[in-house]
Amino acid sequence: MKTVIKNHLNDIQISTAKMLLLHSDNRVLITYFKDMCEKLVYLQELTEQDSKYDWMQIETFMDGLIKQDSELTNININFEIQEIASEKKEARLTVKSF
């Protein structure tokens, strides 16, 4: 998956560089395409970084649950990242994968 993302980012970067050359007489488009090139470089750097967590293990577990029960509609996952000192502070993440 990582290689596919890298290849697509590279293709977009090449296309953006070509568009920058093609529209080099338009200042607005020059600014836009330069900004796009910077963001693509940033995305490529992010794809090079290793994840701090093993998200594939979570995905594998979720796939196993879905195979066990094909009518499953929700999977709730709770991460305890540190002990509760005074009050519980939560962040909720909702992902729709359909």
N, C-alpha and C. Protein backbone atom coordinates (compact mmCIF):
# COMPACT_ATOMS: atom_id res chain seq x y z
N MET A 1 0.82 -1.18 0.00
CA MET A 1 0.00 0.00 0.00
C MET A 1 0.87 1.25 0.00
N LYS A 2 1.92 1.20 0.81
CA LYS A 2 2.81 2.36 0.91
C LYS A 2 3.44 2.68 -0.44
N THR A 3 3.84 1.65 -1.18
CA THR A 3 4.45 1.85 -2.49
C THR A 3 3.46 2.45 -3.47
N VAL A 4 2.22 2.01 -3.42
CA VAL A 4 1.18 2.56 -4.31
C VAL A 4 0.98 4.04 -4.04
N ILE A 5 0.93 4.41 -2.76
CA ILE A 5 0.76 5.82 -2.40
C ILE A 5 1.95 6.64 -2.89
N LYS A 6 3.16 6.11 -2.68
CA LYS A 6 4.37 6.81 -3.14
C LYS A 6 4.35 7.02 -4.65
N ASN A 7 3.94 5.98 -5.39
CA ASN A 7 3.88 6.08 -6.85
C ASN A 7 2.87 7.13 -7.30
N HIS A 8 1.72 7.14 -6.65
CA HIS A 8 0.70 8.14 -7.02
C HIS A 8 1.18 9.55 -6.69
N LEU A 9 1.80 9.72 -5.54
CA LEU A 9 2.33 11.03 -5.17
C LEU A 9 3.40 11.49 -6.16
N ASN A 10 4.24 10.55 -6.59
CA ASN A 10 5.27 10.88 -7.57
C ASN A 10 4.64 11.29 -8.91
N ASP A 11 3.62 10.57 -9.34
CA ASP A 11 2.92 10.91 -10.59
C ASP A 11 2.28 12.30 -10.50
N ILE A 12 1.66 12.58 -9.37
CA ILE A 12 1.03 13.90 -9.18
C ILE A 12 2.08 15.00 -9.16
N GLN A 13 3.23 14.72 -8.54
CA GLN A 13 4.29 15.71 -8.48
C GLN A 13 4.84 16.01 -9.88
N ILE A 14 5.03 14.99 -10.69
CA ILE A 14 5.49 15.18 -12.06
C ILE A 14 4.47 15.97 -12.86
N SER A 15 3.21 15.61 -12.73
CA SER A 15 2.13 16.33 -13.43
C SER A 15 2.07 17.79 -13.00
N THR A 16 2.23 18.03 -11.70
CA THR A 16 2.20 19.40 -11.18
C THR A 16 3.37 20.20 -11.72
N ALA A 17 4.55 19.60 -11.79
CA ALA A 17 5.72 20.29 -12.33
C ALA A 17 5.51 20.64 -13.81
N LYS A 18 4.89 19.73 -14.56
CA LYS A 18 4.59 20.01 -15.97
C LYS A 18 3.60 21.16 -16.10
N MET A 19 2.58 21.16 -15.23
CA MET A 19 1.58 22.23 -15.27
C MET A 19 2.21 23.57 -14.88
N LEU A 20 3.17 23.55 -13.99
CA LEU A 20 3.87 24.77 -13.59
C LEU A 20 4.62 25.35 -14.78
N LEU A 21 5.26 24.49 -15.56
CA LEU A 21 5.96 24.96 -16.76
C LEU A 21 4.98 25.46 -17.82
N LEU A 22 3.88 24.75 -17.97
CA LEU A 22 2.89 25.09 -18.98
C LEU A 22 2.22 26.43 -18.69
N HIS A 23 1.98 26.72 -17.43
CA HIS A 23 1.28 27.95 -17.04
C HIS A 23 2.22 28.95 -16.38
N SER A 24 3.46 29.02 -16.87
CA SER A 24 4.46 29.88 -16.26
C SER A 24 4.20 31.37 -16.49
N ASP A 25 3.22 31.72 -17.31
CA ASP A 25 2.91 33.12 -17.54
C ASP A 25 1.77 33.62 -16.64
N ASN A 26 1.19 32.77 -15.85
CA ASN A 26 0.08 33.14 -14.97
C ASN A 26 0.55 33.08 -13.52
N ARG A 27 0.65 34.26 -12.87
CA ARG A 27 1.19 34.33 -11.51
C ARG A 27 0.34 33.55 -10.50
N VAL A 28 -0.97 33.58 -10.66
CA VAL A 28 -1.85 32.87 -9.73
C VAL A 28 -1.62 31.37 -9.83
N LEU A 29 -1.52 30.86 -11.04
CA LEU A 29 -1.29 29.43 -11.23
C LEU A 29 0.11 29.01 -10.79
N ILE A 30 1.09 29.90 -10.98
CA ILE A 30 2.44 29.61 -10.52
C ILE A 30 2.43 29.41 -9.01
N THR A 31 1.79 30.32 -8.31
CA THR A 31 1.70 30.22 -6.85
C THR A 31 0.98 28.95 -6.44
N TYR A 32 -0.11 28.65 -7.12
CA TYR A 32 -0.88 27.44 -6.81
C TYR A 32 -0.04 26.18 -6.99
N PHE A 33 0.62 26.06 -8.14
CA PHE A 33 1.39 24.84 -8.43
C PHE A 33 2.63 24.73 -7.55
N LYS A 34 3.26 25.85 -7.19
CA LYS A 34 4.39 25.80 -6.26
C LYS A 34 3.93 25.32 -4.90
N ASP A 35 2.78 25.82 -4.46
CA ASP A 35 2.21 25.38 -3.18
C ASP A 35 1.89 23.89 -3.23
N MET A 36 1.33 23.46 -4.33
CA MET A 36 1.00 22.04 -4.52
C MET A 36 2.27 21.18 -4.46
N CYS A 37 3.34 21.63 -5.10
CA CYS A 37 4.61 20.89 -5.08
C CYS A 37 5.13 20.76 -3.65
N GLU A 38 5.07 21.84 -2.87
CA GLU A 38 5.53 21.80 -1.49
C GLU A 38 4.71 20.81 -0.66
N LYS A 39 3.41 20.81 -0.86
CA LYS A 39 2.54 19.89 -0.11
C LYS A 39 2.80 18.44 -0.52
N LEU A 40 3.06 18.21 -1.78
CA LEU A 40 3.37 16.85 -2.24
C LEU A 40 4.68 16.35 -1.64
N VAL A 41 5.67 17.22 -1.56
CA VAL A 41 6.94 16.84 -0.92
C VAL A 41 6.69 16.49 0.54
N TYR A 42 5.86 17.29 1.21
CA TYR A 42 5.52 17.02 2.62
C TYR A 42 4.82 15.66 2.76
N LEU A 43 3.89 15.37 1.88
CA LEU A 43 3.20 14.08 1.92
C LEU A 43 4.17 12.92 1.67
N GLN A 44 5.11 13.12 0.76
CA GLN A 44 6.10 12.07 0.51
C GLN A 44 6.96 11.83 1.74
N GLU A 45 7.32 12.90 2.44
CA GLU A 45 8.10 12.75 3.67
C GLU A 45 7.30 12.00 4.73
N LEU A 46 6.00 12.28 4.81
CA LEU A 46 5.15 11.58 5.78
C LEU A 46 5.05 10.09 5.48
N THR A 47 4.99 9.74 4.20
CA THR A 47 4.90 8.31 3.85
C THR A 47 6.20 7.58 4.14
N GLU A 48 7.31 8.30 4.22
CA GLU A 48 8.60 7.68 4.53
C GLU A 48 8.74 7.36 6.01
N GLN A 49 7.99 8.07 6.86
CA GLN A 49 8.12 7.87 8.29
C GLN A 49 7.45 6.56 8.71
N ASP A 50 8.10 5.89 9.65
CA ASP A 50 7.51 4.68 10.21
C ASP A 50 6.47 5.07 11.25
N SER A 51 5.41 4.29 11.31
CA SER A 51 4.35 4.54 12.27
C SER A 51 4.81 4.16 13.66
N LYS A 52 4.37 4.92 14.62
CA LYS A 52 4.70 4.65 16.01
C LYS A 52 3.90 3.45 16.53
N TYR A 53 2.77 3.18 15.92
CA TYR A 53 1.87 2.12 16.37
C TYR A 53 1.69 1.10 15.26
N ASP A 54 1.32 -0.12 15.64
CA ASP A 54 1.10 -1.19 14.68
C ASP A 54 -0.38 -1.20 14.28
N TRP A 55 -0.75 -0.32 13.35
CA TRP A 55 -2.15 -0.19 12.94
C TRP A 55 -2.61 -1.40 12.14
N MET A 56 -1.68 -2.11 11.52
CA MET A 56 -2.05 -3.29 10.74
C MET A 56 -2.61 -4.38 11.65
N GLN A 57 -2.12 -4.46 12.86
CA GLN A 57 -2.63 -5.45 13.80
C GLN A 57 -4.10 -5.16 14.13
N ILE A 58 -4.44 -3.88 14.26
CA ILE A 58 -5.83 -3.49 14.52
C ILE A 58 -6.70 -3.82 13.31
N GLU A 59 -6.19 -3.52 12.12
CA GLU A 59 -6.94 -3.82 10.90
C GLU A 59 -7.18 -5.33 10.75
N THR A 60 -6.17 -6.13 11.05
CA THR A 60 -6.31 -7.58 10.97
C THR A 60 -7.36 -8.08 11.95
N PHE A 61 -7.33 -7.55 13.17
CA PHE A 61 -8.32 -7.93 14.17
C PHE A 61 -9.73 -7.55 13.73
N MET A 62 -9.89 -6.34 13.16
CA MET A 62 -11.20 -5.90 12.69
C MET A 62 -11.69 -6.78 11.54
N ASP A 63 -10.80 -7.14 10.63
CA ASP A 63 -11.17 -8.03 9.53
C ASP A 63 -11.65 -9.38 10.06
N GLY A 64 -10.99 -9.88 11.11
CA GLY A 64 -11.41 -11.14 11.72
C GLY A 64 -12.79 -11.04 12.33
N LEU A 65 -13.09 -9.91 12.98
CA LEU A 65 -14.43 -9.70 13.56
C LEU A 65 -15.49 -9.66 12.47
N ILE A 66 -15.19 -8.99 11.37
CA ILE A 66 -16.15 -8.89 10.27
C ILE A 66 -16.39 -10.25 9.63
N LYS A 67 -15.35 -11.09 9.55
CA LYS A 67 -15.52 -12.44 9.01
C LYS A 67 -16.37 -13.31 9.93
N GLN A 68 -16.23 -13.10 11.24
CA GLN A 68 -17.03 -13.85 12.20
C GLN A 68 -18.51 -13.46 12.13
N ASP A 69 -18.77 -12.17 11.96
CA ASP A 69 -20.15 -11.68 11.94
C ASP A 69 -20.29 -10.67 10.80
N SER A 70 -20.82 -11.13 9.67
CA SER A 70 -20.93 -10.27 8.49
C SER A 70 -21.96 -9.15 8.65
N GLU A 71 -22.80 -9.26 9.66
CA GLU A 71 -23.81 -8.22 9.89
C GLU A 71 -23.35 -7.19 10.92
N LEU A 72 -22.11 -7.27 11.34
CA LEU A 72 -21.55 -6.34 12.31
C LEU A 72 -21.59 -4.92 11.75
N THR A 73 -22.06 -3.97 12.56
CA THR A 73 -22.16 -2.58 12.09
C THR A 73 -21.19 -1.64 12.79
N ASN A 74 -20.81 -1.95 14.02
CA ASN A 74 -19.90 -1.06 14.77
C ASN A 74 -18.82 -1.88 15.46
N ILE A 75 -17.62 -1.31 15.50
CA ILE A 75 -16.54 -1.85 16.30
C ILE A 75 -16.01 -0.69 17.13
N ASN A 76 -16.08 -0.81 18.44
CA ASN A 76 -15.56 0.22 19.32
C ASN A 76 -14.19 -0.20 19.84
N ILE A 77 -13.23 0.70 19.74
CA ILE A 77 -11.88 0.44 20.20
C ILE A 77 -11.53 1.50 21.23
N ASN A 78 -11.01 1.07 22.37
CA ASN A 78 -10.64 2.00 23.43
C ASN A 78 -9.14 1.88 23.70
N PHE A 79 -8.41 2.98 23.62
CA PHE A 79 -6.98 3.01 23.91
C PHE A 79 -6.78 3.73 25.23
N GLU A 80 -6.15 3.08 26.18
CA GLU A 80 -5.75 3.76 27.41
C GLU A 80 -4.29 4.17 27.23
N ILE A 81 -4.06 5.46 27.14
CA ILE A 81 -2.70 5.93 26.86
C ILE A 81 -1.94 6.35 28.12
N GLN A 82 -2.69 6.60 29.21
CA GLN A 82 -2.05 6.85 30.51
C GLN A 82 -3.10 6.69 31.61
N GLU A 83 -2.62 6.55 32.82
CA GLU A 83 -3.55 6.40 33.94
C GLU A 83 -4.31 7.69 34.17
N ILE A 84 -5.57 7.54 34.63
CA ILE A 84 -6.39 8.70 34.92
C ILE A 84 -5.94 9.29 36.26
N ALA A 85 -5.50 10.55 36.22
CA ALA A 85 -5.02 11.20 37.44
C ALA A 85 -6.16 11.89 38.19
N SER A 86 -6.90 12.76 37.50
CA SER A 86 -7.97 13.47 38.19
C SER A 86 -9.32 13.30 37.48
N GLU A 87 -9.34 13.47 36.19
CA GLU A 87 -10.59 13.28 35.44
C GLU A 87 -10.28 12.61 34.11
N LYS A 88 -11.24 11.88 33.63
CA LYS A 88 -11.07 11.17 32.36
C LYS A 88 -11.30 12.15 31.21
N LYS A 89 -10.33 12.28 30.33
CA LYS A 89 -10.46 13.12 29.15
C LYS A 89 -10.44 12.22 27.93
N GLU A 90 -11.47 12.30 27.12
CA GLU A 90 -11.61 11.40 25.97
C GLU A 90 -11.60 12.16 24.67
N ALA A 91 -11.14 11.49 23.65
CA ALA A 91 -11.27 11.94 22.26
C ALA A 91 -11.98 10.83 21.52
N ARG A 92 -12.93 11.16 20.70
CA ARG A 92 -13.68 10.14 19.95
C ARG A 92 -13.36 10.26 18.47
N LEU A 93 -13.19 9.11 17.87
CA LEU A 93 -12.90 9.03 16.45
C LEU A 93 -13.94 8.11 15.81
N THR A 94 -14.63 8.63 14.82
CA THR A 94 -15.61 7.82 14.11
C THR A 94 -15.15 7.63 12.67
N VAL A 95 -15.06 6.38 12.26
CA VAL A 95 -14.59 6.06 10.92
C VAL A 95 -15.70 5.30 10.20
N LYS A 96 -16.09 5.79 9.03
CA LYS A 96 -17.07 5.07 8.20
C LYS A 96 -16.29 4.39 7.08
N SER A 97 -16.36 3.09 7.05
CA SER A 97 -15.57 2.36 6.04
C SER A 97 -16.48 1.63 5.06
N PHE A 98 -17.50 2.32 4.61
CA PHE A 98 -18.39 1.70 3.62
C PHE A 98 -18.52 2.59 2.43
